[in-house]
Every structure is written in C-alpha cells, then in structure tokens.
Amino acid sequence: MSFRDAQRQVDAWISRFEEGYFDPLTNLTRLTEEVGELAREVNHRFGQKTRKPEEPEGDLAMEMADILFVLICLANREKIDLDEAFQGMMAKVASRDSSRWTPKTPSP
C-alpha cells in the first residue's frame, strides 16, 4: 500500500463524520501523545525503565500505526501528498548523507 492509498483510506473514514479533521494543533498534540506511547513501550522493552508487573505488554506495531494514522490526518487536512513528500525526503538524504556512512561491502 502506498501512502496515497493510506491517505485515501483515512480520508474515506474521516469523511463519514461531520466533525472532519481536527485542526493542526490538535493533531500535533495527538501525534505527540502517540509518540509518547511508542517511547514508553520502547523504553519498557529496551530501556532501563521496566514495565510494572501488572502492566500488560504493549504492541510496538500498533503504536507505530497510531502515529501513522495521526500523521496522515494532518497531511490530509493540509493537502500534503505523502508519497511526493517521502520521495523528496529520500532524495534529500541520498544527496546529503551519501558519504556520511560506511557502505557495506557486497557479499561474494
């Protein structure tokens, strides 16, 4: 699925409701909340702050999907094509960081 497909799917769902998309500041707050939930789960799994014994294990994939959903909502509201934006970002890092990292040696 492309970002464009995901953007259409989210738009179809949001369009079912009179309220429509939240304003950008509300979506940014929601995005921050979702990133915090991902950070908490990553910290529980890989960091020094362990989970409380009674606390259930979270789902990293769902936390990431929550972030994508809110980000797509923000992009849709602002009429941003995430496929185009992502390709532009990849071109930027390919140019900017091409000699920054050590390339892997091809396997024989």
N, C-alpha and C. Protein backbone atom coordinates (compact mmCIF):
# COMPACT_ATOMS: atom_id res chain seq x y z
N MET A 1 0.84 -1.17 0.00
CA MET A 1 0.00 0.00 0.00
C MET A 1 0.89 1.24 0.00
N SER A 2 0.56 2.18 -0.84
CA SER A 2 1.29 3.44 -0.88
C SER A 2 0.75 4.39 0.18
N PHE A 3 1.49 5.45 0.43
CA PHE A 3 0.96 6.49 1.31
C PHE A 3 -0.33 7.06 0.72
N ARG A 4 -0.36 7.20 -0.60
CA ARG A 4 -1.55 7.76 -1.27
C ARG A 4 -2.76 6.88 -0.97
N ASP A 5 -2.59 5.57 -1.05
CA ASP A 5 -3.69 4.65 -0.72
C ASP A 5 -4.12 4.82 0.73
N ALA A 6 -3.15 4.92 1.62
CA ALA A 6 -3.46 5.09 3.04
C ALA A 6 -4.17 6.42 3.27
N GLN A 7 -3.72 7.46 2.57
CA GLN A 7 -4.36 8.77 2.72
C GLN A 7 -5.81 8.72 2.25
N ARG A 8 -6.07 8.01 1.17
CA ARG A 8 -7.46 7.86 0.68
C ARG A 8 -8.30 7.08 1.69
N GLN A 9 -7.73 6.03 2.24
CA GLN A 9 -8.46 5.20 3.21
C GLN A 9 -8.81 6.01 4.46
N VAL A 10 -7.86 6.76 4.97
CA VAL A 10 -8.12 7.60 6.15
C VAL A 10 -9.16 8.67 5.81
N ASP A 11 -9.03 9.28 4.64
CA ASP A 11 -9.98 10.32 4.26
C ASP A 11 -11.39 9.76 4.14
N ALA A 12 -11.54 8.57 3.59
CA ALA A 12 -12.86 7.95 3.48
C ALA A 12 -13.46 7.73 4.86
N TRP A 13 -12.64 7.34 5.81
CA TRP A 13 -13.14 7.10 7.17
C TRP A 13 -13.52 8.42 7.85
N ILE A 14 -12.63 9.40 7.79
CA ILE A 14 -12.88 10.70 8.43
C ILE A 14 -14.09 11.39 7.80
N SER A 15 -14.26 11.24 6.50
CA SER A 15 -15.35 11.90 5.78
C SER A 15 -16.73 11.42 6.21
N ARG A 16 -16.80 10.34 6.93
CA ARG A 16 -18.08 9.82 7.42
C ARG A 16 -18.64 10.66 8.55
N PHE A 17 -17.86 11.56 9.11
CA PHE A 17 -18.26 12.29 10.31
C PHE A 17 -18.31 13.79 10.06
N GLU A 18 -19.30 14.42 10.61
CA GLU A 18 -19.50 15.87 10.47
C GLU A 18 -18.29 16.67 10.94
N GLU A 19 -17.64 16.21 12.01
CA GLU A 19 -16.54 16.98 12.60
C GLU A 19 -15.33 17.07 11.67
N GLY A 20 -15.13 16.09 10.83
CA GLY A 20 -13.98 16.10 9.91
C GLY A 20 -12.65 16.01 10.64
N TYR A 21 -11.64 16.58 10.02
CA TYR A 21 -10.30 16.53 10.60
C TYR A 21 -10.16 17.54 11.74
N PHE A 22 -9.39 17.16 12.76
CA PHE A 22 -9.05 18.09 13.82
C PHE A 22 -8.14 19.17 13.23
N ASP A 23 -8.07 20.29 13.91
CA ASP A 23 -7.17 21.36 13.45
C ASP A 23 -5.72 20.93 13.65
N PRO A 24 -4.77 21.61 12.99
CA PRO A 24 -3.37 21.19 13.06
C PRO A 24 -2.80 21.10 14.47
N LEU A 25 -3.14 22.03 15.34
CA LEU A 25 -2.58 21.99 16.70
C LEU A 25 -3.11 20.79 17.48
N THR A 26 -4.38 20.46 17.29
CA THR A 26 -4.94 19.28 17.94
C THR A 26 -4.28 18.02 17.41
N ASN A 27 -4.09 17.94 16.09
CA ASN A 27 -3.41 16.77 15.52
C ASN A 27 -1.97 16.68 15.98
N LEU A 28 -1.30 17.81 16.11
CA LEU A 28 0.08 17.78 16.61
C LEU A 28 0.12 17.27 18.05
N THR A 29 -0.85 17.70 18.85
CA THR A 29 -0.93 17.21 20.23
C THR A 29 -1.19 15.71 20.24
N ARG A 30 -2.10 15.25 19.39
CA ARG A 30 -2.38 13.82 19.30
C ARG A 30 -1.14 13.05 18.86
N LEU A 31 -0.42 13.60 17.89
CA LEU A 31 0.81 12.97 17.41
C LEU A 31 1.83 12.85 18.53
N THR A 32 1.97 13.91 19.30
CA THR A 32 2.90 13.90 20.43
C THR A 32 2.51 12.83 21.45
N GLU A 33 1.22 12.73 21.73
CA GLU A 33 0.74 11.70 22.65
C GLU A 33 1.09 10.30 22.14
N GLU A 34 0.85 10.07 20.86
CA GLU A 34 1.11 8.75 20.28
C GLU A 34 2.61 8.43 20.27
N VAL A 35 3.44 9.41 19.98
CA VAL A 35 4.90 9.20 20.02
C VAL A 35 5.32 8.88 21.45
N GLY A 36 4.70 9.53 22.42
CA GLY A 36 4.98 9.23 23.83
C GLY A 36 4.63 7.80 24.19
N GLU A 37 3.51 7.30 23.66
CA GLU A 37 3.14 5.91 23.92
C GLU A 37 4.13 4.94 23.30
N LEU A 38 4.62 5.26 22.10
CA LEU A 38 5.66 4.43 21.48
C LEU A 38 6.94 4.48 22.31
N ALA A 39 7.31 5.67 22.75
CA ALA A 39 8.53 5.82 23.56
C ALA A 39 8.44 5.01 24.84
N ARG A 40 7.28 5.02 25.47
CA ARG A 40 7.09 4.25 26.70
C ARG A 40 7.28 2.76 26.44
N GLU A 41 6.71 2.27 25.36
CA GLU A 41 6.84 0.84 25.05
C GLU A 41 8.28 0.48 24.70
N VAL A 42 8.95 1.32 23.93
CA VAL A 42 10.36 1.06 23.59
C VAL A 42 11.21 1.07 24.86
N ASN A 43 10.95 2.01 25.74
CA ASN A 43 11.69 2.09 26.99
C ASN A 43 11.45 0.85 27.84
N HIS A 44 10.22 0.37 27.88
CA HIS A 44 9.91 -0.84 28.65
C HIS A 44 10.64 -2.05 28.08
N ARG A 45 10.72 -2.13 26.77
CA ARG A 45 11.35 -3.30 26.15
C ARG A 45 12.87 -3.23 26.14
N PHE A 46 13.41 -2.04 25.88
CA PHE A 46 14.84 -1.94 25.62
C PHE A 46 15.59 -1.00 26.56
N GLY A 47 14.87 -0.23 27.33
CA GLY A 47 15.49 0.77 28.19
C GLY A 47 15.62 0.30 29.62
N GLN A 48 15.98 1.21 30.46
CA GLN A 48 16.19 0.89 31.86
C GLN A 48 14.90 0.93 32.67
N LYS A 49 13.87 1.57 32.16
CA LYS A 49 12.60 1.66 32.89
C LYS A 49 11.75 0.44 32.54
N THR A 50 11.74 -0.51 33.43
CA THR A 50 10.99 -1.73 33.16
C THR A 50 9.51 -1.53 33.43
N ARG A 51 8.75 -2.40 32.85
CA ARG A 51 7.30 -2.40 33.00
C ARG A 51 6.91 -2.83 34.40
N LYS A 52 5.83 -2.27 34.93
CA LYS A 52 5.29 -2.72 36.21
C LYS A 52 4.76 -4.13 36.03
N PRO A 53 4.85 -4.96 37.07
CA PRO A 53 4.41 -6.36 36.92
C PRO A 53 2.97 -6.51 36.44
N GLU A 54 2.09 -5.59 36.85
CA GLU A 54 0.68 -5.71 36.47
C GLU A 54 0.37 -5.05 35.12
N GLU A 55 1.37 -4.39 34.54
CA GLU A 55 1.17 -3.66 33.28
C GLU A 55 1.29 -4.61 32.09
N PRO A 56 0.29 -4.63 31.20
CA PRO A 56 0.37 -5.53 30.04
C PRO A 56 1.42 -5.05 29.04
N GLU A 57 1.96 -5.98 28.28
CA GLU A 57 2.92 -5.63 27.24
C GLU A 57 2.18 -4.88 26.14
N GLY A 58 2.80 -3.83 25.64
CA GLY A 58 2.21 -3.05 24.56
C GLY A 58 2.55 -3.67 23.21
N ASP A 59 2.01 -3.07 22.17
CA ASP A 59 2.18 -3.56 20.80
C ASP A 59 2.92 -2.48 20.00
N LEU A 60 4.21 -2.71 19.75
CA LEU A 60 5.01 -1.73 19.02
C LEU A 60 4.40 -1.39 17.66
N ALA A 61 3.95 -2.40 16.95
CA ALA A 61 3.38 -2.17 15.62
C ALA A 61 2.15 -1.27 15.69
N MET A 62 1.28 -1.51 16.66
CA MET A 62 0.07 -0.69 16.78
C MET A 62 0.42 0.74 17.20
N GLU A 63 1.42 0.90 18.05
CA GLU A 63 1.83 2.25 18.44
C GLU A 63 2.35 3.01 17.22
N MET A 64 3.12 2.33 16.36
CA MET A 64 3.61 2.97 15.14
C MET A 64 2.45 3.28 14.19
N ALA A 65 1.49 2.36 14.09
CA ALA A 65 0.33 2.59 13.23
C ALA A 65 -0.50 3.77 13.73
N ASP A 66 -0.63 3.91 15.05
CA ASP A 66 -1.34 5.07 15.60
C ASP A 66 -0.67 6.38 15.16
N ILE A 67 0.66 6.39 15.19
CA ILE A 67 1.41 7.57 14.76
C ILE A 67 1.15 7.86 13.29
N LEU A 68 1.20 6.82 12.46
CA LEU A 68 0.94 6.99 11.03
C LEU A 68 -0.46 7.55 10.78
N PHE A 69 -1.46 7.04 11.50
CA PHE A 69 -2.83 7.49 11.31
C PHE A 69 -2.94 8.99 11.58
N VAL A 70 -2.40 9.44 12.70
CA VAL A 70 -2.49 10.86 13.04
C VAL A 70 -1.69 11.69 12.05
N LEU A 71 -0.53 11.22 11.65
CA LEU A 71 0.28 11.94 10.68
C LEU A 71 -0.45 12.06 9.34
N ILE A 72 -1.12 10.99 8.94
CA ILE A 72 -1.91 11.02 7.70
C ILE A 72 -3.07 12.00 7.84
N CYS A 73 -3.71 12.03 8.99
CA CYS A 73 -4.78 13.01 9.21
C CYS A 73 -4.26 14.43 9.04
N LEU A 74 -3.11 14.70 9.60
CA LEU A 74 -2.52 16.03 9.50
C LEU A 74 -2.17 16.34 8.04
N ALA A 75 -1.58 15.38 7.35
CA ALA A 75 -1.22 15.58 5.93
C ALA A 75 -2.48 15.80 5.08
N ASN A 76 -3.50 15.00 5.30
CA ASN A 76 -4.72 15.16 4.52
C ASN A 76 -5.34 16.53 4.73
N ARG A 77 -5.42 16.95 5.98
CA ARG A 77 -6.03 18.25 6.26
C ARG A 77 -5.28 19.38 5.57
N GLU A 78 -3.96 19.23 5.49
CA GLU A 78 -3.13 20.27 4.89
C GLU A 78 -2.86 20.01 3.40
N LYS A 79 -3.53 18.99 2.85
CA LYS A 79 -3.41 18.66 1.42
C LYS A 79 -1.97 18.37 1.00
N ILE A 80 -1.29 17.60 1.82
CA ILE A 80 0.10 17.19 1.55
C ILE A 80 0.08 15.78 1.01
N ASP A 81 0.72 15.57 -0.13
CA ASP A 81 0.86 14.24 -0.72
C ASP A 81 2.08 13.59 -0.09
N LEU A 82 1.84 12.61 0.77
CA LEU A 82 2.95 11.98 1.49
C LEU A 82 3.85 11.16 0.59
N ASP A 83 3.34 10.63 -0.53
CA ASP A 83 4.22 9.92 -1.47
C ASP A 83 5.25 10.89 -2.03
N GLU A 84 4.79 12.06 -2.48
CA GLU A 84 5.72 13.07 -3.01
C GLU A 84 6.68 13.56 -1.92
N ALA A 85 6.14 13.83 -0.73
CA ALA A 85 6.98 14.33 0.36
C ALA A 85 8.05 13.30 0.73
N PHE A 86 7.67 12.03 0.78
CA PHE A 86 8.62 10.99 1.16
C PHE A 86 9.71 10.84 0.10
N GLN A 87 9.34 10.88 -1.17
CA GLN A 87 10.34 10.78 -2.23
C GLN A 87 11.30 11.96 -2.18
N GLY A 88 10.78 13.14 -1.88
CA GLY A 88 11.64 14.31 -1.73
C GLY A 88 12.60 14.16 -0.57
N MET A 89 12.10 13.60 0.53
CA MET A 89 12.96 13.38 1.70
C MET A 89 14.04 12.35 1.40
N MET A 90 13.69 11.28 0.68
CA MET A 90 14.70 10.26 0.33
C MET A 90 15.77 10.84 -0.59
N ALA A 91 15.36 11.68 -1.53
CA ALA A 91 16.34 12.34 -2.41
C ALA A 91 17.27 13.23 -1.59
N LYS A 92 16.70 13.92 -0.62
CA LYS A 92 17.50 14.81 0.24
C LYS A 92 18.54 14.01 1.02
N VAL A 93 18.13 12.92 1.67
CA VAL A 93 19.11 12.17 2.47
C VAL A 93 20.11 11.44 1.58
N ALA A 94 19.67 11.00 0.40
CA ALA A 94 20.60 10.33 -0.52
C ALA A 94 21.71 11.29 -0.95
N SER A 95 21.34 12.52 -1.16
CA SER A 95 22.33 13.52 -1.57
C SER A 95 23.17 13.98 -0.39
N ARG A 96 22.51 14.34 0.69
CA ARG A 96 23.19 14.92 1.85
C ARG A 96 24.07 13.90 2.58
N ASP A 97 23.60 12.66 2.67
CA ASP A 97 24.29 11.68 3.52
C ASP A 97 25.02 10.60 2.73
N SER A 98 25.22 10.79 1.43
CA SER A 98 25.80 9.73 0.60
C SER A 98 27.21 9.33 1.05
N SER A 99 27.97 10.23 1.61
CA SER A 99 29.32 9.88 2.05
C SER A 99 29.45 9.95 3.58
N ARG A 100 28.35 10.05 4.25
CA ARG A 100 28.36 10.18 5.72
C ARG A 100 28.57 8.84 6.42
N TRP A 101 28.11 7.77 5.83
CA TRP A 101 28.12 6.46 6.46
C TRP A 101 29.03 5.51 5.70
N THR A 102 29.46 4.45 6.37
CA THR A 102 30.34 3.45 5.76
C THR A 102 29.50 2.45 4.97
N PRO A 103 29.71 2.39 3.65
CA PRO A 103 28.92 1.44 2.85
C PRO A 103 29.27 -0.01 3.22
N LYS A 104 28.30 -0.87 3.12
CA LYS A 104 28.54 -2.30 3.35
C LYS A 104 29.29 -2.85 2.14
N THR A 105 30.18 -3.80 2.39
CA THR A 105 30.90 -4.46 1.32
C THR A 105 30.01 -5.55 0.77
N PRO A 106 29.85 -5.61 -0.57
CA PRO A 106 29.00 -6.66 -1.15
C PRO A 106 29.52 -8.05 -0.80
N SER A 107 28.60 -8.97 -0.55
CA SER A 107 28.97 -10.36 -0.24
C SER A 107 29.43 -11.04 -1.52
N PRO A 108 30.42 -11.95 -1.38
CA PRO A 108 30.92 -12.67 -2.59
C PRO A 108 29.91 -13.66 -3.13
